[in-house]
Amino acid sequence: MAKIENEIQYNWAVNRVEQLLPLVDDNTPLNDPNSIELELLSNMVADYSDEHFSLGIPSLTDTLKLRMYEMNLNQKSMSKLIEVSPSRLCEYLTGKSEPTLKVARNISSKLNIQASVVLGV
């Protein structure tokens, strides 16, 4: 199958997908030319995006900082929430230390952070 080779092709494909979206809905037959073109271009755009624009798995440090911001918490209040000392939380935030399994469970459940991010897997 063809593949998007550069950003010019990518931008063209994204624009074409946007043109096709209003023409295709759940009732459009799968053999409709617009439906076929939309499916092919969407897959090509997704493949190119995954290869060139993927952010990867976030680090625990970045995720904790984001969650602190989202929940309007300071280090002291977050440390209470996940049941660690403020200095231990500081070590997590600077990447100097990793949480124990018990703390990882608290982080995952109380901050709604995926276990895979907390455990770095």
PDB file of N, CA and C in Angstrom:
ATOM      1  N   MET A   1       0.842  -1.173   0.000  1.00  0.00           N
ATOM      2  CA  MET A   1       0.000   0.000   0.000  1.00  0.00           C
ATOM      3  C   MET A   1       0.890   1.241   0.000  1.00  0.00           C
ATOM      4  N   ALA A   2       0.389   2.293  -0.574  1.00  0.00           N
ATOM      5  CA  ALA A   2       1.121   3.551  -0.625  1.00  0.00           C
ATOM      6  C   ALA A   2       1.261   4.120   0.784  1.00  0.00           C
ATOM      7  N   LYS A   3       2.219   5.005   0.924  1.00  0.00           N
ATOM      8  CA  LYS A   3       2.472   5.598   2.223  1.00  0.00           C
ATOM      9  C   LYS A   3       2.820   7.063   2.039  1.00  0.00           C
ATOM     10  N   ILE A   4       2.484   7.874   3.000  1.00  0.00           N
ATOM     11  CA  ILE A   4       2.811   9.299   2.960  1.00  0.00           C
ATOM     12  C   ILE A   4       4.298   9.436   3.235  1.00  0.00           C
ATOM     13  N   GLU A   5       4.978  10.137   2.339  1.00  0.00           N
ATOM     14  CA  GLU A   5       6.439  10.239   2.411  1.00  0.00           C
ATOM     15  C   GLU A   5       6.949  11.529   3.049  1.00  0.00           C
ATOM     16  N   ASN A   6       6.156  12.596   3.005  1.00  0.00           N
ATOM     17  CA  ASN A   6       6.657  13.872   3.518  1.00  0.00           C
ATOM     18  C   ASN A   6       5.504  14.725   4.046  1.00  0.00           C
ATOM     19  N   GLU A   7       5.857  15.865   4.634  1.00  0.00           N
ATOM     20  CA  GLU A   7       4.851  16.709   5.274  1.00  0.00           C
ATOM     21  C   GLU A   7       3.898  17.355   4.267  1.00  0.00           C
ATOM     22  N   ILE A   8       4.363  17.615   3.061  1.00  0.00           N
ATOM     23  CA  ILE A   8       3.479  18.184   2.026  1.00  0.00           C
ATOM     24  C   ILE A   8       2.368  17.187   1.702  1.00  0.00           C
ATOM     25  N   GLN A   9       2.744  15.929   1.511  1.00  0.00           N
ATOM     26  CA  GLN A   9       1.741  14.893   1.248  1.00  0.00           C
ATOM     27  C   GLN A   9       0.815  14.717   2.453  1.00  0.00           C
ATOM     28  N   TYR A  10       1.385  14.769   3.632  1.00  0.00           N
ATOM     29  CA  TYR A  10       0.594  14.640   4.859  1.00  0.00           C
ATOM     30  C   TYR A  10      -0.451  15.751   4.937  1.00  0.00           C
ATOM     31  N   ASN A  11      -0.041  16.998   4.724  1.00  0.00           N
ATOM     32  CA  ASN A  11      -0.979  18.120   4.792  1.00  0.00           C
ATOM     33  C   ASN A  11      -2.074  17.999   3.743  1.00  0.00           C
ATOM     34  N   TRP A  12      -1.707  17.552   2.537  1.00  0.00           N
ATOM     35  CA  TRP A  12      -2.707  17.352   1.489  1.00  0.00           C
ATOM     36  C   TRP A  12      -3.716  16.292   1.932  1.00  0.00           C
ATOM     37  N   ALA A  13      -3.213  15.189   2.468  1.00  0.00           N
ATOM     38  CA  ALA A  13      -4.085  14.090   2.885  1.00  0.00           C
ATOM     39  C   ALA A  13      -5.018  14.525   4.014  1.00  0.00           C
ATOM     40  N   VAL A  14      -4.499  15.285   4.976  1.00  0.00           N
ATOM     41  CA  VAL A  14      -5.335  15.769   6.076  1.00  0.00           C
ATOM     42  C   VAL A  14      -6.453  16.658   5.527  1.00  0.00           C
ATOM     43  N   ASN A  15      -6.112  17.550   4.603  1.00  0.00           N
ATOM     44  CA  ASN A  15      -7.130  18.420   4.008  1.00  0.00           C
ATOM     45  C   ASN A  15      -8.172  17.612   3.244  1.00  0.00           C
ATOM     46  N   ARG A  16      -7.718  16.584   2.531  1.00  0.00           N
ATOM     47  CA  ARG A  16      -8.652  15.750   1.768  1.00  0.00           C
ATOM     48  C   ARG A  16      -9.572  14.968   2.714  1.00  0.00           C
ATOM     49  N   VAL A  17      -9.035  14.479   3.806  1.00  0.00           N
ATOM     50  CA  VAL A  17      -9.861  13.777   4.801  1.00  0.00           C
ATOM     51  C   VAL A  17     -10.935  14.727   5.328  1.00  0.00           C
ATOM     52  N   GLU A  18     -10.571  15.964   5.600  1.00  0.00           N
ATOM     53  CA  GLU A  18     -11.540  16.951   6.082  1.00  0.00           C
ATOM     54  C   GLU A  18     -12.631  17.218   5.052  1.00  0.00           C
ATOM     55  N   GLN A  19     -12.283  17.165   3.765  1.00  0.00           N
ATOM     56  CA  GLN A  19     -13.274  17.349   2.703  1.00  0.00           C
ATOM     57  C   GLN A  19     -14.214  16.149   2.609  1.00  0.00           C
ATOM     58  N   LEU A  20     -13.672  14.957   2.872  1.00  0.00           N
ATOM     59  CA  LEU A  20     -14.467  13.736   2.737  1.00  0.00           C
ATOM     60  C   LEU A  20     -15.379  13.476   3.936  1.00  0.00           C
ATOM     61  N   LEU A  21     -14.993  13.938   5.103  1.00  0.00           N
ATOM     62  CA  LEU A  21     -15.768  13.643   6.315  1.00  0.00           C
ATOM     63  C   LEU A  21     -17.254  14.009   6.212  1.00  0.00           C
ATOM     64  N   PRO A  22     -17.601  15.193   5.677  1.00  0.00           N
ATOM     65  CA  PRO A  22     -19.035  15.511   5.581  1.00  0.00           C
ATOM     66  C   PRO A  22     -19.781  14.639   4.565  1.00  0.00           C
ATOM     67  N   LEU A  23     -19.048  13.973   3.676  1.00  0.00           N
ATOM     68  CA  LEU A  23     -19.680  13.180   2.616  1.00  0.00           C
ATOM     69  C   LEU A  23     -19.941  11.729   3.029  1.00  0.00           C
ATOM     70  N   VAL A  24     -19.378  11.330   4.160  1.00  0.00           N
ATOM     71  CA  VAL A  24     -19.479   9.938   4.599  1.00  0.00           C
ATOM     72  C   VAL A  24     -20.046   9.907   6.016  1.00  0.00           C
ATOM     73  N   ASP A  25     -21.043   9.047   6.224  1.00  0.00           N
ATOM     74  CA  ASP A  25     -21.581   8.845   7.565  1.00  0.00           C
ATOM     75  C   ASP A  25     -21.785   7.349   7.800  1.00  0.00           C
ATOM     76  N   ASP A  26     -22.415   6.991   8.900  1.00  0.00           N
ATOM     77  CA  ASP A  26     -22.598   5.578   9.247  1.00  0.00           C
ATOM     78  C   ASP A  26     -23.458   4.823   8.241  1.00  0.00           C
ATOM     79  N   ASN A  27     -24.271   5.548   7.476  1.00  0.00           N
ATOM     80  CA  ASN A  27     -25.154   4.900   6.497  1.00  0.00           C
ATOM     81  C   ASN A  27     -24.527   4.792   5.112  1.00  0.00           C
ATOM     82  N   THR A  28     -23.349   5.343   4.929  1.00  0.00           N
ATOM     83  CA  THR A  28     -22.677   5.286   3.631  1.00  0.00           C
ATOM     84  C   THR A  28     -22.184   3.858   3.392  1.00  0.00           C
ATOM     85  N   PRO A  29     -22.512   3.290   2.230  1.00  0.00           N
ATOM     86  CA  PRO A  29     -22.042   1.926   1.937  1.00  0.00           C
ATOM     87  C   PRO A  29     -20.514   1.857   1.920  1.00  0.00           C
ATOM     88  N   LEU A  30     -19.989   0.722   2.362  1.00  0.00           N
ATOM     89  CA  LEU A  30     -18.535   0.552   2.412  1.00  0.00           C
ATOM     90  C   LEU A  30     -17.898   0.571   1.037  1.00  0.00           C
ATOM     91  N   ASN A  31     -18.668   0.293  -0.012  1.00  0.00           N
ATOM     92  CA  ASN A  31     -18.108   0.306  -1.369  1.00  0.00           C
ATOM     93  C   ASN A  31     -18.261   1.663  -2.061  1.00  0.00           C
ATOM     94  N   ASP A  32     -18.758   2.661  -1.347  1.00  0.00           N
ATOM     95  CA  ASP A  32     -18.862   4.014  -1.879  1.00  0.00           C
ATOM     96  C   ASP A  32     -17.452   4.576  -2.081  1.00  0.00           C
ATOM     97  N   PRO A  33     -17.171   5.194  -3.241  1.00  0.00           N
ATOM     98  CA  PRO A  33     -15.813   5.723  -3.498  1.00  0.00           C
ATOM     99  C   PRO A  33     -15.314   6.695  -2.430  1.00  0.00           C
ATOM    100  N   ASN A  34     -16.193   7.552  -1.922  1.00  0.00           N
ATOM    101  CA  ASN A  34     -15.775   8.490  -0.873  1.00  0.00           C
ATOM    102  C   ASN A  34     -15.417   7.748   0.418  1.00  0.00           C
ATOM    103  N   SER A  35     -16.182   6.732   0.734  1.00  0.00           N
ATOM    104  CA  SER A  35     -15.922   5.940   1.927  1.00  0.00           C
ATOM    105  C   SER A  35     -14.579   5.210   1.814  1.00  0.00           C
ATOM    106  N   ILE A  36     -14.330   4.647   0.651  1.00  0.00           N
ATOM    107  CA  ILE A  36     -13.067   3.932   0.417  1.00  0.00           C
ATOM    108  C   ILE A  36     -11.891   4.890   0.519  1.00  0.00           C
ATOM    109  N   GLU A  37     -12.015   6.034  -0.151  1.00  0.00           N
ATOM    110  CA  GLU A  37     -10.928   7.025  -0.112  1.00  0.00           C
ATOM    111  C   GLU A  37     -10.690   7.531   1.306  1.00  0.00           C
ATOM    112  N   LEU A  38     -11.767   7.790   2.036  1.00  0.00           N
ATOM    113  CA  LEU A  38     -11.638   8.270   3.413  1.00  0.00           C
ATOM    114  C   LEU A  38     -10.926   7.234   4.277  1.00  0.00           C
ATOM    115  N   GLU A  39     -11.303   5.980   4.147  1.00  0.00           N
ATOM    116  CA  GLU A  39     -10.677   4.911   4.928  1.00  0.00           C
ATOM    117  C   GLU A  39      -9.186   4.812   4.628  1.00  0.00           C
ATOM    118  N   LEU A  40      -8.835   4.803   3.354  1.00  0.00           N
ATOM    119  CA  LEU A  40      -7.419   4.683   2.972  1.00  0.00           C
ATOM    120  C   LEU A  40      -6.598   5.881   3.439  1.00  0.00           C
ATOM    121  N   LEU A  41      -7.102   7.077   3.172  1.00  0.00           N
ATOM    122  CA  LEU A  41      -6.359   8.272   3.564  1.00  0.00           C
ATOM    123  C   LEU A  41      -6.258   8.402   5.082  1.00  0.00           C
ATOM    124  N   SER A  42      -7.321   8.061   5.789  1.00  0.00           N
ATOM    125  CA  SER A  42      -7.293   8.135   7.253  1.00  0.00           C
ATOM    126  C   SER A  42      -6.217   7.216   7.816  1.00  0.00           C
ATOM    127  N   ASN A  43      -6.125   6.013   7.277  1.00  0.00           N
ATOM    128  CA  ASN A  43      -5.093   5.077   7.730  1.00  0.00           C
ATOM    129  C   ASN A  43      -3.695   5.593   7.419  1.00  0.00           C
ATOM    130  N   MET A  44      -3.512   6.176   6.258  1.00  0.00           N
ATOM    131  CA  MET A  44      -2.207   6.707   5.883  1.00  0.00           C
ATOM    132  C   MET A  44      -1.828   7.892   6.774  1.00  0.00           C
ATOM    133  N   VAL A  45      -2.787   8.770   7.048  1.00  0.00           N
ATOM    134  CA  VAL A  45      -2.537   9.921   7.919  1.00  0.00           C
ATOM    135  C   VAL A  45      -2.188   9.433   9.323  1.00  0.00           C
ATOM    136  N   ALA A  46      -2.923   8.447   9.822  1.00  0.00           N
ATOM    137  CA  ALA A  46      -2.652   7.914  11.161  1.00  0.00           C
ATOM    138  C   ALA A  46      -1.261   7.291  11.231  1.00  0.00           C
ATOM    139  N   ASP A  47      -0.877   6.537  10.213  1.00  0.00           N
ATOM    140  CA  ASP A  47       0.456   5.920  10.201  1.00  0.00           C
ATOM    141  C   ASP A  47       1.548   6.982  10.209  1.00  0.00           C
ATOM    142  N   TYR A  48       1.398   8.013   9.378  1.00  0.00           N
ATOM    143  CA  TYR A  48       2.391   9.085   9.316  1.00  0.00           C
ATOM    144  C   TYR A  48       2.451   9.826  10.654  1.00  0.00           C
ATOM    145  N   SER A  49       1.287  10.107  11.240  1.00  0.00           N
ATOM    146  CA  SER A  49       1.237  10.808  12.530  1.00  0.00           C
ATOM    147  C   SER A  49       1.923   9.998  13.620  1.00  0.00           C
ATOM    148  N   ASP A  50       1.647   8.699  13.659  1.00  0.00           N
ATOM    149  CA  ASP A  50       2.271   7.840  14.663  1.00  0.00           C
ATOM    150  C   ASP A  50       3.788   7.843  14.528  1.00  0.00           C
ATOM    151  N   GLU A  51       4.260   7.846  13.302  1.00  0.00           N
ATOM    152  CA  GLU A  51       5.704   7.790  13.056  1.00  0.00           C
ATOM    153  C   GLU A  51       6.401   9.115  13.330  1.00  0.00           C
ATOM    154  N   HIS A  52       5.748  10.225  12.997  1.00  0.00           N
ATOM    155  CA  HIS A  52       6.431  11.525  13.054  1.00  0.00           C
ATOM    156  C   HIS A  52       6.008  12.446  14.194  1.00  0.00           C
ATOM    157  N   PHE A  53       4.842  12.210  14.760  1.00  0.00           N
ATOM    158  CA  PHE A  53       4.341  13.136  15.763  1.00  0.00           C
ATOM    159  C   PHE A  53       4.031  12.462  17.100  1.00  0.00           C
ATOM    160  N   SER A  54       4.402  11.229  17.254  1.00  0.00           N
ATOM    161  CA  SER A  54       4.098  10.492  18.472  1.00  0.00           C
ATOM    162  C   SER A  54       4.817  11.108  19.664  1.00  0.00           C
ATOM    163  N   LEU A  55       4.101  11.256  20.751  1.00  0.00           N
ATOM    164  CA  LEU A  55       4.676  11.829  21.959  1.00  0.00           C
ATOM    165  C   LEU A  55       5.321  10.778  22.847  1.00  0.00           C
ATOM    166  N   GLY A  56       4.978   9.529  22.626  1.00  0.00           N
ATOM    167  CA  GLY A  56       5.529   8.470  23.455  1.00  0.00           C
ATOM    168  C   GLY A  56       4.822   8.399  24.795  1.00  0.00           C
ATOM    169  N   ILE A  57       5.308   7.533  25.631  1.00  0.00           N
ATOM    170  CA  ILE A  57       4.716   7.348  26.946  1.00  0.00           C
ATOM    171  C   ILE A  57       5.236   8.447  27.872  1.00  0.00           C
ATOM    172  N   PRO A  58       4.339   9.128  28.566  1.00  0.00           N
ATOM    173  CA  PRO A  58       4.795  10.200  29.459  1.00  0.00           C
ATOM    174  C   PRO A  58       5.551   9.630  30.658  1.00  0.00           C
ATOM    175  N   SER A  59       6.467  10.398  31.174  1.00  0.00           N
ATOM    176  CA  SER A  59       7.198   9.969  32.371  1.00  0.00           C
ATOM    177  C   SER A  59       6.332  10.208  33.596  1.00  0.00           C
ATOM    178  N   LEU A  60       6.656   9.497  34.666  1.00  0.00           N
ATOM    179  CA  LEU A  60       5.930   9.694  35.917  1.00  0.00           C
ATOM    180  C   LEU A  60       6.112  11.128  36.399  1.00  0.00           C
ATOM    181  N   THR A  61       7.320  11.651  36.282  1.00  0.00           N
ATOM    182  CA  THR A  61       7.602  13.018  36.711  1.00  0.00           C
ATOM    183  C   THR A  61       6.691  14.019  35.998  1.00  0.00           C
ATOM    184  N   ASP A  62       6.621  13.922  34.679  1.00  0.00           N
ATOM    185  CA  ASP A  62       5.783  14.844  33.913  1.00  0.00           C
ATOM    186  C   ASP A  62       4.309  14.673  34.247  1.00  0.00           C
ATOM    187  N   THR A  63       3.899  13.437  34.433  1.00  0.00           N
ATOM    188  CA  THR A  63       2.502  13.157  34.740  1.00  0.00           C
ATOM    189  C   THR A  63       2.123  13.679  36.124  1.00  0.00           C
ATOM    190  N   LEU A  64       3.002  13.507  37.103  1.00  0.00           N
ATOM    191  CA  LEU A  64       2.726  14.038  38.443  1.00  0.00           C
ATOM    192  C   LEU A  64       2.617  15.566  38.417  1.00  0.00           C
ATOM    193  N   LYS A  65       3.530  16.207  37.703  1.00  0.00           N
ATOM    194  CA  LYS A  65       3.487  17.673  37.621  1.00  0.00           C
ATOM    195  C   LYS A  65       2.203  18.144  36.943  1.00  0.00           C
ATOM    196  N   LEU A  66       1.805  17.453  35.890  1.00  0.00           N
ATOM    197  CA  LEU A  66       0.569  17.811  35.202  1.00  0.00           C
ATOM    198  C   LEU A  66      -0.630  17.624  36.124  1.00  0.00           C
ATOM    199  N   ARG A  67      -0.671  16.491  36.831  1.00  0.00           N
ATOM    200  CA  ARG A  67      -1.794  16.216  37.720  1.00  0.00           C
ATOM    201  C   ARG A  67      -1.840  17.237  38.861  1.00  0.00           C
ATOM    202  N   MET A  68      -0.678  17.649  39.368  1.00  0.00           N
ATOM    203  CA  MET A  68      -0.652  18.692  40.403  1.00  0.00           C
ATOM    204  C   MET A  68      -1.295  19.960  39.875  1.00  0.00           C
ATOM    205  N   TYR A  69      -0.956  20.326  38.659  1.00  0.00           N
ATOM    206  CA  TYR A  69      -1.522  21.526  38.042  1.00  0.00           C
ATOM    207  C   TYR A  69      -3.029  21.362  37.847  1.00  0.00           C
ATOM    208  N   GLU A  70      -3.445  20.220  37.286  1.00  0.00           N
ATOM    209  CA  GLU A  70      -4.864  19.996  37.002  1.00  0.00           C
ATOM    210  C   GLU A  70      -5.714  19.987  38.264  1.00  0.00           C
ATOM    211  N   MET A  71      -5.161  19.434  39.338  1.00  0.00           N
ATOM    212  CA  MET A  71      -5.917  19.317  40.584  1.00  0.00           C
ATOM    213  C   MET A  71      -5.667  20.505  41.523  1.00  0.00           C
ATOM    214  N   ASN A  72      -4.861  21.462  41.056  1.00  0.00           N
ATOM    215  CA  ASN A  72      -4.531  22.659  41.832  1.00  0.00           C
ATOM    216  C   ASN A  72      -3.951  22.279  43.204  1.00  0.00           C
ATOM    217  N   LEU A  73      -2.966  21.373  43.171  1.00  0.00           N
ATOM    218  CA  LEU A  73      -2.317  20.908  44.396  1.00  0.00           C
ATOM    219  C   LEU A  73      -0.898  21.445  44.476  1.00  0.00           C
ATOM    220  N   ASN A  74      -0.431  21.708  45.674  1.00  0.00           N
ATOM    221  CA  ASN A  74       0.991  21.991  45.858  1.00  0.00           C
ATOM    222  C   ASN A  74       1.651  20.687  46.314  1.00  0.00           C
ATOM    223  N   GLN A  75       2.958  20.710  46.503  1.00  0.00           N
ATOM    224  CA  GLN A  75       3.658  19.487  46.863  1.00  0.00           C
ATOM    225  C   GLN A  75       3.186  18.937  48.207  1.00  0.00           C
ATOM    226  N   LYS A  76       2.924  19.820  49.136  1.00  0.00           N
ATOM    227  CA  LYS A  76       2.497  19.372  50.468  1.00  0.00           C
ATOM    228  C   LYS A  76       1.151  18.657  50.397  1.00  0.00           C
ATOM    229  N   SER A  77       0.191  19.260  49.693  1.00  0.00           N
ATOM    230  CA  SER A  77      -1.133  18.634  49.619  1.00  0.00           C
ATOM    231  C   SER A  77      -1.106  17.351  48.793  1.00  0.00           C
ATOM    232  N   MET A  78      -0.285  17.305  47.749  1.00  0.00           N
ATOM    233  CA  MET A  78      -0.192  16.072  46.975  1.00  0.00           C
ATOM    234  C   MET A  78       0.472  14.973  47.785  1.00  0.00           C
ATOM    235  N   SER A  79       1.496  15.330  48.538  1.00  0.00           N
ATOM    236  CA  SER A  79       2.177  14.314  49.344  1.00  0.00           C
ATOM    237  C   SER A  79       1.216  13.711  50.369  1.00  0.00           C
ATOM    238  N   LYS A  80       0.337  14.521  50.951  1.00  0.00           N
ATOM    239  CA  LYS A  80      -0.673  14.003  51.875  1.00  0.00           C
ATOM    240  C   LYS A  80      -1.624  13.051  51.157  1.00  0.00           C
ATOM    241  N   LEU A  81      -2.036  13.455  49.977  1.00  0.00           N
ATOM    242  CA  LEU A  81      -2.992  12.663  49.204  1.00  0.00           C
ATOM    243  C   LEU A  81      -2.442  11.272  48.874  1.00  0.00           C
ATOM    244  N   ILE A  82      -1.172  11.191  48.480  1.00  0.00           N
ATOM    245  CA  ILE A  82      -0.603   9.889  48.111  1.00  0.00           C
ATOM    246  C   ILE A  82       0.141   9.225  49.268  1.00  0.00           C
ATOM    247  N   GLU A  83       0.073   9.877  50.448  1.00  0.00           N
ATOM    248  CA  GLU A  83       0.595   9.320  51.697  1.00  0.00           C
ATOM    249  C   GLU A  83       2.111   9.103  51.694  1.00  0.00           C
ATOM    250  N   VAL A  84       2.834  10.157  51.291  1.00  0.00           N
ATOM    251  CA  VAL A  84       4.296  10.163  51.381  1.00  0.00           C
ATOM    252  C   VAL A  84       4.727  11.509  51.956  1.00  0.00           C
ATOM    253  N   SER A  85       5.960  11.591  52.368  1.00  0.00           N
ATOM    254  CA  SER A  85       6.466  12.865  52.872  1.00  0.00           C
ATOM    255  C   SER A  85       6.698  13.817  51.697  1.00  0.00           C
ATOM    256  N   PRO A  86       6.650  15.119  51.953  1.00  0.00           N
ATOM    257  CA  PRO A  86       6.938  16.087  50.891  1.00  0.00           C
ATOM    258  C   PRO A  86       8.321  15.880  50.272  1.00  0.00           C
ATOM    259  N   SER A  87       9.300  15.482  51.088  1.00  0.00           N
ATOM    260  CA  SER A  87      10.644  15.261  50.530  1.00  0.00           C
ATOM    261  C   SER A  87      10.662  14.045  49.605  1.00  0.00           C
ATOM    262  N   ARG A  88       9.874  13.016  49.941  1.00  0.00           N
ATOM    263  CA  ARG A  88       9.805  11.841  49.064  1.00  0.00           C
ATOM    264  C   ARG A  88       9.134  12.206  47.744  1.00  0.00           C
ATOM    265  N   LEU A  89       8.061  12.984  47.811  1.00  0.00           N
ATOM    266  CA  LEU A  89       7.402  13.442  46.589  1.00  0.00           C
ATOM    267  C   LEU A  89       8.366  14.246  45.746  1.00  0.00           C
ATOM    268  N   CYS A  90       9.157  15.089  46.379  1.00  0.00           N
ATOM    269  CA  CYS A  90      10.157  15.880  45.655  1.00  0.00           C
ATOM    270  C   CYS A  90      11.115  14.962  44.885  1.00  0.00           C
ATOM    271  N   GLU A  91      11.475  13.841  45.498  1.00  0.00           N
ATOM    272  CA  GLU A  91      12.354  12.885  44.819  1.00  0.00           C
ATOM    273  C   GLU A  91      11.673  12.277  43.591  1.00  0.00           C
ATOM    274  N   TYR A  92      10.370  12.028  43.679  1.00  0.00           N
ATOM    275  CA  TYR A  92       9.630  11.519  42.519  1.00  0.00           C
ATOM    276  C   TYR A  92       9.569  12.589  41.418  1.00  0.00           C
ATOM    277  N   LEU A  93       9.359  13.832  41.844  1.00  0.00           N
ATOM    278  CA  LEU A  93       9.217  14.923  40.877  1.00  0.00           C
ATOM    279  C   LEU A  93      10.528  15.268  40.174  1.00  0.00           C
ATOM    280  N   THR A  94      11.636  14.971  40.814  1.00  0.00           N
ATOM    281  CA  THR A  94      12.937  15.244  40.189  1.00  0.00           C
ATOM    282  C   THR A  94      13.523  14.005  39.520  1.00  0.00           C
ATOM    283  N   GLY A  95      12.844  12.874  39.672  1.00  0.00           N
ATOM    284  CA  GLY A  95      13.324  11.643  39.055  1.00  0.00           C
ATOM    285  C   GLY A  95      14.433  10.954  39.834  1.00  0.00           C
ATOM    286  N   LYS A  96      14.683  11.375  41.052  1.00  0.00           N
ATOM    287  CA  LYS A  96      15.751  10.787  41.863  1.00  0.00           C
ATOM    288  C   LYS A  96      15.330   9.478  42.507  1.00  0.00           C
ATOM    289  N   SER A  97      14.026   9.255  42.605  1.00  0.00           N
ATOM    290  CA  SER A  97      13.531   8.062  43.270  1.00  0.00           C
ATOM    291  C   SER A  97      12.263   7.590  42.574  1.00  0.00           C
ATOM    292  N   GLU A  98      11.973   6.301  42.728  1.00  0.00           N
ATOM    293  CA  GLU A  98      10.741   5.736  42.189  1.00  0.00           C
ATOM    294  C   GLU A  98       9.871   5.262  43.348  1.00  0.00           C
ATOM    295  N   PRO A  99       8.567   5.291  43.174  1.00  0.00           N
ATOM    296  CA  PRO A  99       7.678   4.910  44.268  1.00  0.00           C
ATOM    297  C   PRO A  99       7.707   3.407  44.551  1.00  0.00           C
ATOM    298  N   THR A 100       7.425   3.069  45.797  1.00  0.00           N
ATOM    299  CA  THR A 100       7.243   1.671  46.157  1.00  0.00           C
ATOM    300  C   THR A 100       5.927   1.197  45.555  1.00  0.00           C
ATOM    301  N   LEU A 101       5.671  -0.090  45.610  1.00  0.00           N
ATOM    302  CA  LEU A 101       4.429  -0.631  45.058  1.00  0.00           C
ATOM    303  C   LEU A 101       3.208  -0.038  45.760  1.00  0.00           C
ATOM    304  N   LYS A 102       3.283   0.105  47.069  1.00  0.00           N
ATOM    305  CA  LYS A 102       2.165   0.681  47.831  1.00  0.00           C
ATOM    306  C   LYS A 102       1.900   2.121  47.385  1.00  0.00           C
ATOM    307  N   VAL A 103       2.948   2.899  47.264  1.00  0.00           N
ATOM    308  CA  VAL A 103       2.795   4.293  46.844  1.00  0.00           C
ATOM    309  C   VAL A 103       2.330   4.359  45.388  1.00  0.00           C
ATOM    310  N   ALA A 104       2.843   3.463  44.562  1.00  0.00           N
ATOM    311  CA  ALA A 104       2.420   3.427  43.159  1.00  0.00           C
ATOM    312  C   ALA A 104       0.919   3.170  43.057  1.00  0.00           C
ATOM    313  N   ARG A 105       0.421   2.302  43.911  1.00  0.00           N
ATOM    314  CA  ARG A 105      -1.028   2.048  43.932  1.00  0.00           C
ATOM    315  C   ARG A 105      -1.787   3.315  44.326  1.00  0.00           C
ATOM    316  N   ASN A 106      -1.300   4.023  45.330  1.00  0.00           N
ATOM    317  CA  ASN A 106      -1.946   5.274  45.748  1.00  0.00           C
ATOM    318  C   ASN A 106      -1.923   6.305  44.627  1.00  0.00           C
ATOM    319  N   ILE A 107      -0.787   6.429  43.977  1.00  0.00           N
ATOM    320  CA  ILE A 107      -0.675   7.398  42.876  1.00  0.00           C
ATOM    321  C   ILE A 107      -1.670   7.044  41.783  1.00  0.00           C
ATOM    322  N   SER A 108      -1.712   5.777  41.419  1.00  0.00           N
ATOM    323  CA  SER A 108      -2.592   5.342  40.347  1.00  0.00           C
ATOM    324  C   SER A 108      -4.062   5.567  40.689  1.00  0.00           C
ATOM    325  N   SER A 109      -4.457   5.160  41.888  1.00  0.00           N
ATOM    326  CA  SER A 109      -5.876   5.255  42.236  1.00  0.00           C
ATOM    327  C   SER A 109      -6.301   6.663  42.636  1.00  0.00           C
ATOM    328  N   LYS A 110      -5.515   7.350  43.431  1.00  0.00           N
ATOM    329  CA  LYS A 110      -5.929   8.659  43.951  1.00  0.00           C
ATOM    330  C   LYS A 110      -5.723   9.796  42.952  1.00  0.00           C
ATOM    331  N   LEU A 111      -4.782   9.608  42.024  1.00  0.00           N
ATOM    332  CA  LEU A 111      -4.536  10.661  41.026  1.00  0.00           C
ATOM    333  C   LEU A 111      -5.044  10.263  39.644  1.00  0.00           C
ATOM    334  N   ASN A 112      -5.636   9.058  39.562  1.00  0.00           N
ATOM    335  CA  ASN A 112      -6.168   8.557  38.295  1.00  0.00           C
ATOM    336  C   ASN A 112      -5.096   8.569  37.193  1.00  0.00           C
ATOM    337  N   ILE A 113      -3.966   7.960  37.504  1.00  0.00           N
ATOM    338  CA  ILE A 113      -2.860   7.833  36.549  1.00  0.00           C
ATOM    339  C   ILE A 113      -2.706   6.350  36.237  1.00  0.00           C
ATOM    340  N   GLN A 114      -2.621   6.028  34.961  1.00  0.00           N
ATOM    341  CA  GLN A 114      -2.500   4.627  34.561  1.00  0.00           C
ATOM    342  C   GLN A 114      -1.317   3.966  35.239  1.00  0.00           C
ATOM    343  N   ALA A 115      -1.517   2.731  35.661  1.00  0.00           N
ATOM    344  CA  ALA A 115      -0.465   1.974  36.330  1.00  0.00           C
ATOM    345  C   ALA A 115       0.785   1.842  35.456  1.00  0.00           C
ATOM    346  N   SER A 116       0.599   1.710  34.155  1.00  0.00           N
ATOM    347  CA  SER A 116       1.746   1.574  33.246  1.00  0.00           C
ATOM    348  C   SER A 116       2.639   2.816  33.283  1.00  0.00           C
ATOM    349  N   VAL A 117       2.046   3.987  33.470  1.00  0.00           N
ATOM    350  CA  VAL A 117       2.829   5.228  33.568  1.00  0.00           C
ATOM    351  C   VAL A 117       3.547   5.268  34.913  1.00  0.00           C
ATOM    352  N   VAL A 118       2.836   4.914  35.969  1.00  0.00           N
ATOM    353  CA  VAL A 118       3.416   4.949  37.306  1.00  0.00           C
ATOM    354  C   VAL A 118       4.591   3.983  37.391  1.00  0.00           C
ATOM    355  N   LEU A 119       4.429   2.811  36.791  1.00  0.00           N
ATOM    356  CA  LEU A 119       5.470   1.788  36.862  1.00  0.00           C
ATOM    357  C   LEU A 119       6.515   1.925  35.763  1.00  0.00           C
ATOM    358  N   GLY A 120       6.270   2.805  34.818  1.00  0.00           N
ATOM    359  CA  GLY A 120       7.259   3.026  33.745  1.00  0.00           C
ATOM    360  C   GLY A 120       7.361   1.882  32.754  1.00  0.00           C
ATOM    361  N   VAL A 121       6.256   1.201  32.515  1.00  0.00           N
ATOM    362  CA  VAL A 121       6.256   0.083  31.559  1.00  0.00           C
ATOM    363  C   VAL A 121       5.404   0.379  30.354  1.00  0.00           C
TER     364      VAL A 121
END
